[in-house]
Amino acid sequence: MTNESKQSEQAGREAPAGKEAASSTAPADASSASEGAAAVKPVRIKSLRQIPVGIAHINASFNNTQVTITDPKGNVLAWCSSGRVGFKGTRKSTAYAATVVAQETAKMVSQYRMQEVEIRVQGPGAGRESAIRAFQTSGFTITMIKDVTSIPHNGCRPRKRRRV
């Protein structure tokens, strides 16, 4: 076959310049979208990476409870604190606030399909155990619980003792 016959054959295959051909090659804008649902542009959904194992850092101080979930490399996936959930003042330091914070963080991480969590707890606050229990009830398998509260080895002088 020669080039001329190939071109004429391809020209024969092309659709006639009618209404369908114009709508299939025209860009999808507001005027063509109003004509029908066939001109709707498909929406791409961003697929998130799957992280089966994570590390939950629980910082329970006397005034607040903060929970951060990271991947094994240390990249933050989700975080939450008592103030972010809606507690104010002295209610931020309660065990119930820590439970709500841990549940909220577990919801944020559910998109990564995480199954196992290693928990690292820091601080003397009231939300330590309740946050751990909230992770258990959220469906995570807890592989390790580690207390990473810093203890001075005769370093700086501690603050004066609190009198309640």
C-alpha atoms as a PDB file:
ATOM      1  CA  MET A   1       0.000   0.000   0.000  1.00  0.00           C
ATOM      2  CA  THR A   2       1.140   3.471  -0.728  1.00  0.00           C
ATOM      3  CA  ASN A   3       0.972   6.456   1.594  1.00  0.00           C
ATOM      4  CA  GLU A   4      -1.895   7.979  -0.384  1.00  0.00           C
ATOM      5  CA  SER A   5      -4.067   4.886  -0.015  1.00  0.00           C
ATOM      6  CA  LYS A   6      -3.338   4.722   3.732  1.00  0.00           C
ATOM      7  CA  GLN A   7      -4.368   8.352   4.152  1.00  0.00           C
ATOM      8  CA  SER A   8      -7.575   7.853   2.186  1.00  0.00           C
ATOM      9  CA  GLU A   9      -8.355   4.731   4.210  1.00  0.00           C
ATOM     10  CA  GLN A  10      -7.858   6.654   7.479  1.00  0.00           C
ATOM     11  CA  ALA A  11     -10.010   9.501   6.183  1.00  0.00           C
ATOM     12  CA  GLY A  12     -12.784   6.980   5.484  1.00  0.00           C
ATOM     13  CA  ARG A  13     -12.648   5.733   9.069  1.00  0.00           C
ATOM     14  CA  GLU A  14     -13.056   9.202  10.605  1.00  0.00           C
ATOM     15  CA  ALA A  15     -16.489  10.077  11.887  1.00  0.00           C
ATOM     16  CA  PRO A  16     -18.576  12.520   9.923  1.00  0.00           C
ATOM     17  CA  ALA A  17     -18.496  16.088  11.163  1.00  0.00           C
ATOM     18  CA  GLY A  18     -21.753  15.859  13.062  1.00  0.00           C
ATOM     19  CA  LYS A  19     -23.015  16.587  16.520  1.00  0.00           C
ATOM     20  CA  GLU A  20     -21.382  13.500  18.144  1.00  0.00           C
ATOM     21  CA  ALA A  21     -17.940  14.187  16.690  1.00  0.00           C
ATOM     22  CA  ALA A  22     -17.991  17.799  17.834  1.00  0.00           C
ATOM     23  CA  SER A  23     -19.024  16.909  21.382  1.00  0.00           C
ATOM     24  CA  SER A  24     -16.427  14.136  21.735  1.00  0.00           C
ATOM     25  CA  THR A  25     -13.509  16.345  20.688  1.00  0.00           C
ATOM     26  CA  ALA A  26     -14.681  19.563  22.367  1.00  0.00           C
ATOM     27  CA  PRO A  27     -13.313  20.376  25.817  1.00  0.00           C
ATOM     28  CA  ALA A  28     -15.653  19.939  28.742  1.00  0.00           C
ATOM     29  CA  ASP A  29     -16.705  23.437  29.770  1.00  0.00           C
ATOM     30  CA  ALA A  30     -19.842  24.955  31.266  1.00  0.00           C
ATOM     31  CA  SER A  31     -21.732  25.221  27.972  1.00  0.00           C
ATOM     32  CA  SER A  32     -21.209  21.586  26.969  1.00  0.00           C
ATOM     33  CA  ALA A  33     -21.825  20.339  30.526  1.00  0.00           C
ATOM     34  CA  SER A  34     -25.292  21.850  30.478  1.00  0.00           C
ATOM     35  CA  GLU A  35     -26.191  19.817  27.372  1.00  0.00           C
ATOM     36  CA  GLY A  36     -26.040  16.483  29.163  1.00  0.00           C
ATOM     37  CA  ALA A  37     -24.362  14.223  31.639  1.00  0.00           C
ATOM     38  CA  ALA A  38     -22.143  12.643  28.964  1.00  0.00           C
ATOM     39  CA  ALA A  39     -19.733  15.584  29.105  1.00  0.00           C
ATOM     40  CA  VAL A  40     -18.929  15.139  32.824  1.00  0.00           C
ATOM     41  CA  LYS A  41     -15.207  14.961  33.448  1.00  0.00           C
ATOM     42  CA  PRO A  42     -14.126  11.929  35.523  1.00  0.00           C
ATOM     43  CA  VAL A  43     -12.721  12.770  38.945  1.00  0.00           C
ATOM     44  CA  ARG A  44      -9.506  11.105  40.031  1.00  0.00           C
ATOM     45  CA  ILE A  45      -9.288   9.990  43.636  1.00  0.00           C
ATOM     46  CA  LYS A  46      -5.850  10.214  45.172  1.00  0.00           C
ATOM     47  CA  SER A  47      -4.872   6.841  46.533  1.00  0.00           C
ATOM     48  CA  LEU A  48      -3.147   6.932  49.899  1.00  0.00           C
ATOM     49  CA  ARG A  49      -0.287   4.664  50.825  1.00  0.00           C
ATOM     50  CA  GLN A  50      -0.939   1.731  53.100  1.00  0.00           C
ATOM     51  CA  ILE A  51       0.980   1.722  56.363  1.00  0.00           C
ATOM     52  CA  PRO A  52       0.251  -1.431  58.392  1.00  0.00           C
ATOM     53  CA  VAL A  53       2.434  -0.543  61.416  1.00  0.00           C
ATOM     54  CA  GLY A  54       2.625   2.800  63.219  1.00  0.00           C
ATOM     55  CA  ILE A  55       3.896   4.439  66.375  1.00  0.00           C
ATOM     56  CA  ALA A  56       1.524   6.325  68.701  1.00  0.00           C
ATOM     57  CA  HIS A  57       3.205   8.986  70.818  1.00  0.00           C
ATOM     58  CA  ILE A  58       1.058   9.973  73.807  1.00  0.00           C
ATOM     59  CA  ASN A  59       2.166  13.076  75.696  1.00  0.00           C
ATOM     60  CA  ALA A  60       0.082  13.341  78.865  1.00  0.00           C
ATOM     61  CA  SER A  61       1.007  16.434  80.842  1.00  0.00           C
ATOM     62  CA  PHE A  62      -0.779  17.910  83.844  1.00  0.00           C
ATOM     63  CA  ASN A  63      -2.602  20.399  81.614  1.00  0.00           C
ATOM     64  CA  ASN A  64      -3.191  18.644  78.291  1.00  0.00           C
ATOM     65  CA  THR A  65      -3.005  15.361  76.380  1.00  0.00           C
ATOM     66  CA  GLN A  66      -1.510  15.190  72.892  1.00  0.00           C
ATOM     67  CA  VAL A  67      -1.472  12.135  70.640  1.00  0.00           C
ATOM     68  CA  THR A  68       0.652  11.866  67.498  1.00  0.00           C
ATOM     69  CA  ILE A  69       0.757   8.857  65.176  1.00  0.00           C
ATOM     70  CA  THR A  70       3.792   8.375  62.954  1.00  0.00           C
ATOM     71  CA  ASP A  71       5.037   5.750  60.552  1.00  0.00           C
ATOM     72  CA  PRO A  72       8.100   3.685  61.597  1.00  0.00           C
ATOM     73  CA  LYS A  73      10.429   6.269  60.011  1.00  0.00           C
ATOM     74  CA  GLY A  74       8.966   9.072  62.144  1.00  0.00           C
ATOM     75  CA  ASN A  75       6.844  10.898  59.543  1.00  0.00           C
ATOM     76  CA  VAL A  76       3.695  12.299  61.168  1.00  0.00           C
ATOM     77  CA  LEU A  77       0.452  10.832  59.816  1.00  0.00           C
ATOM     78  CA  ALA A  78      -2.069  12.359  62.251  1.00  0.00           C
ATOM     79  CA  TRP A  79      -2.139  14.297  65.499  1.00  0.00           C
ATOM     80  CA  CYS A  80      -4.706  15.613  67.919  1.00  0.00           C
ATOM     81  CA  SER A  81      -4.884  17.299  71.305  1.00  0.00           C
ATOM     82  CA  SER A  82      -7.536  17.955  73.921  1.00  0.00           C
ATOM     83  CA  GLY A  83      -7.904  21.575  72.883  1.00  0.00           C
ATOM     84  CA  ARG A  84      -8.376  20.639  69.235  1.00  0.00           C
ATOM     85  CA  VAL A  85     -11.214  18.270  70.121  1.00  0.00           C
ATOM     86  CA  GLY A  86     -13.032  21.025  72.020  1.00  0.00           C
ATOM     87  CA  PHE A  87     -12.086  20.759  75.679  1.00  0.00           C
ATOM     88  CA  LYS A  88     -11.143  23.978  77.443  1.00  0.00           C
ATOM     89  CA  GLY A  89      -9.470  24.836  80.723  1.00  0.00           C
ATOM     90  CA  THR A  90      -9.129  22.150  83.371  1.00  0.00           C
ATOM     91  CA  ARG A  91     -11.212  19.651  81.393  1.00  0.00           C
ATOM     92  CA  LYS A  92      -8.314  19.236  78.923  1.00  0.00           C
ATOM     93  CA  SER A  93      -6.345  17.322  81.546  1.00  0.00           C
ATOM     94  CA  THR A  94      -9.020  14.705  82.289  1.00  0.00           C
ATOM     95  CA  ALA A  95      -8.917  11.027  81.404  1.00  0.00           C
ATOM     96  CA  TYR A  96     -12.080  11.358  79.314  1.00  0.00           C
ATOM     97  CA  ALA A  97     -10.461  14.046  77.169  1.00  0.00           C
ATOM     98  CA  ALA A  98      -7.518  11.715  76.547  1.00  0.00           C
ATOM     99  CA  THR A  99      -9.921   8.970  75.458  1.00  0.00           C
ATOM    100  CA  VAL A 100     -11.642  11.266  72.976  1.00  0.00           C
ATOM    101  CA  VAL A 101      -8.280  12.473  71.633  1.00  0.00           C
ATOM    102  CA  ALA A 102      -7.036   8.911  71.057  1.00  0.00           C
ATOM    103  CA  GLN A 103     -10.288   7.917  69.311  1.00  0.00           C
ATOM    104  CA  GLU A 104     -10.140  10.982  67.055  1.00  0.00           C
ATOM    105  CA  THR A 105      -6.543  10.239  66.094  1.00  0.00           C
ATOM    106  CA  ALA A 106      -7.437   6.615  65.378  1.00  0.00           C
ATOM    107  CA  LYS A 107     -10.181   7.816  62.996  1.00  0.00           C
ATOM    108  CA  MET A 108      -7.708  10.029  61.154  1.00  0.00           C
ATOM    109  CA  VAL A 109      -5.308   7.129  60.638  1.00  0.00           C
ATOM    110  CA  SER A 110      -7.993   4.697  59.432  1.00  0.00           C
ATOM    111  CA  GLN A 111      -7.452   5.850  55.836  1.00  0.00           C
ATOM    112  CA  TYR A 112      -3.940   4.339  55.941  1.00  0.00           C
ATOM    113  CA  ARG A 113      -5.336   0.884  56.865  1.00  0.00           C
ATOM    114  CA  MET A 114      -3.109   0.677  59.947  1.00  0.00           C
ATOM    115  CA  GLN A 115      -3.488  -2.478  62.040  1.00  0.00           C
ATOM    116  CA  GLU A 116      -0.620  -2.548  64.536  1.00  0.00           C
ATOM    117  CA  VAL A 117       0.461   0.257  66.843  1.00  0.00           C
ATOM    118  CA  GLU A 118       3.485   0.631  69.078  1.00  0.00           C
ATOM    119  CA  ILE A 119       2.662   3.030  71.930  1.00  0.00           C
ATOM    120  CA  ARG A 120       5.146   5.393  73.554  1.00  0.00           C
ATOM    121  CA  VAL A 121       3.826   7.247  76.590  1.00  0.00           C
ATOM    122  CA  GLN A 122       5.436  10.359  78.033  1.00  0.00           C
ATOM    123  CA  GLY A 123       4.484  12.497  81.015  1.00  0.00           C
ATOM    124  CA  PRO A 124       2.712  12.141  84.367  1.00  0.00           C
ATOM    125  CA  GLY A 125      -0.808  13.156  83.301  1.00  0.00           C
ATOM    126  CA  ALA A 126      -4.157  11.515  83.943  1.00  0.00           C
ATOM    127  CA  GLY A 127      -4.684  10.478  80.318  1.00  0.00           C
ATOM    128  CA  ARG A 128      -1.976   7.839  80.049  1.00  0.00           C
ATOM    129  CA  GLU A 129      -3.960   4.625  80.599  1.00  0.00           C
ATOM    130  CA  SER A 130      -7.236   5.885  79.156  1.00  0.00           C
ATOM    131  CA  ALA A 131      -5.565   6.804  75.847  1.00  0.00           C
ATOM    132  CA  ILE A 132      -4.046   3.326  75.621  1.00  0.00           C
ATOM    133  CA  ARG A 133      -7.455   1.750  76.282  1.00  0.00           C
ATOM    134  CA  ALA A 134      -8.989   3.940  73.580  1.00  0.00           C
ATOM    135  CA  PHE A 135      -6.480   2.603  71.037  1.00  0.00           C
ATOM    136  CA  GLN A 136      -7.385  -0.965  72.041  1.00  0.00           C
ATOM    137  CA  THR A 137     -11.103  -0.337  71.584  1.00  0.00           C
ATOM    138  CA  SER A 138     -10.473   1.354  68.220  1.00  0.00           C
ATOM    139  CA  GLY A 139      -9.356  -1.984  66.805  1.00  0.00           C
ATOM    140  CA  PHE A 140      -5.575  -1.644  66.814  1.00  0.00           C
ATOM    141  CA  THR A 141      -3.266  -4.466  67.826  1.00  0.00           C
ATOM    142  CA  ILE A 142      -0.864  -3.041  70.385  1.00  0.00           C
ATOM    143  CA  THR A 143       2.567  -4.595  69.967  1.00  0.00           C
ATOM    144  CA  MET A 144       4.469  -2.660  72.633  1.00  0.00           C
ATOM    145  CA  ILE A 145       3.836  -0.068  75.336  1.00  0.00           C
ATOM    146  CA  LYS A 146       6.906   1.912  76.315  1.00  0.00           C
ATOM    147  CA  ASP A 147       7.300   4.709  78.868  1.00  0.00           C
ATOM    148  CA  VAL A 148       9.663   7.327  77.426  1.00  0.00           C
ATOM    149  CA  THR A 149       9.304   9.909  80.204  1.00  0.00           C
ATOM    150  CA  SER A 150      12.635  11.614  80.685  1.00  0.00           C
ATOM    151  CA  ILE A 151      14.193  11.074  84.107  1.00  0.00           C
ATOM    152  CA  PRO A 152      17.178  13.195  85.133  1.00  0.00           C
ATOM    153  CA  HIS A 153      20.295  11.343  86.262  1.00  0.00           C
ATOM    154  CA  ASN A 154      21.395  14.047  88.714  1.00  0.00           C
ATOM    155  CA  GLY A 155      21.258  16.677  86.010  1.00  0.00           C
ATOM    156  CA  CYS A 156      19.450  19.971  86.458  1.00  0.00           C
ATOM    157  CA  ARG A 157      17.809  20.844  89.738  1.00  0.00           C
ATOM    158  CA  PRO A 158      14.124  19.821  89.687  1.00  0.00           C
ATOM    159  CA  ARG A 159      11.293  22.287  90.159  1.00  0.00           C
ATOM    160  CA  LYS A 160      10.007  22.832  93.642  1.00  0.00           C
ATOM    161  CA  ARG A 161       7.491  20.281  94.815  1.00  0.00           C
ATOM    162  CA  ARG A 162       3.862  21.040  94.060  1.00  0.00           C
ATOM    163  CA  ARG A 163       1.597  21.616  97.076  1.00  0.00           C
ATOM    164  CA  VAL A 164      -2.049  20.829  96.456  1.00  0.00           C
END
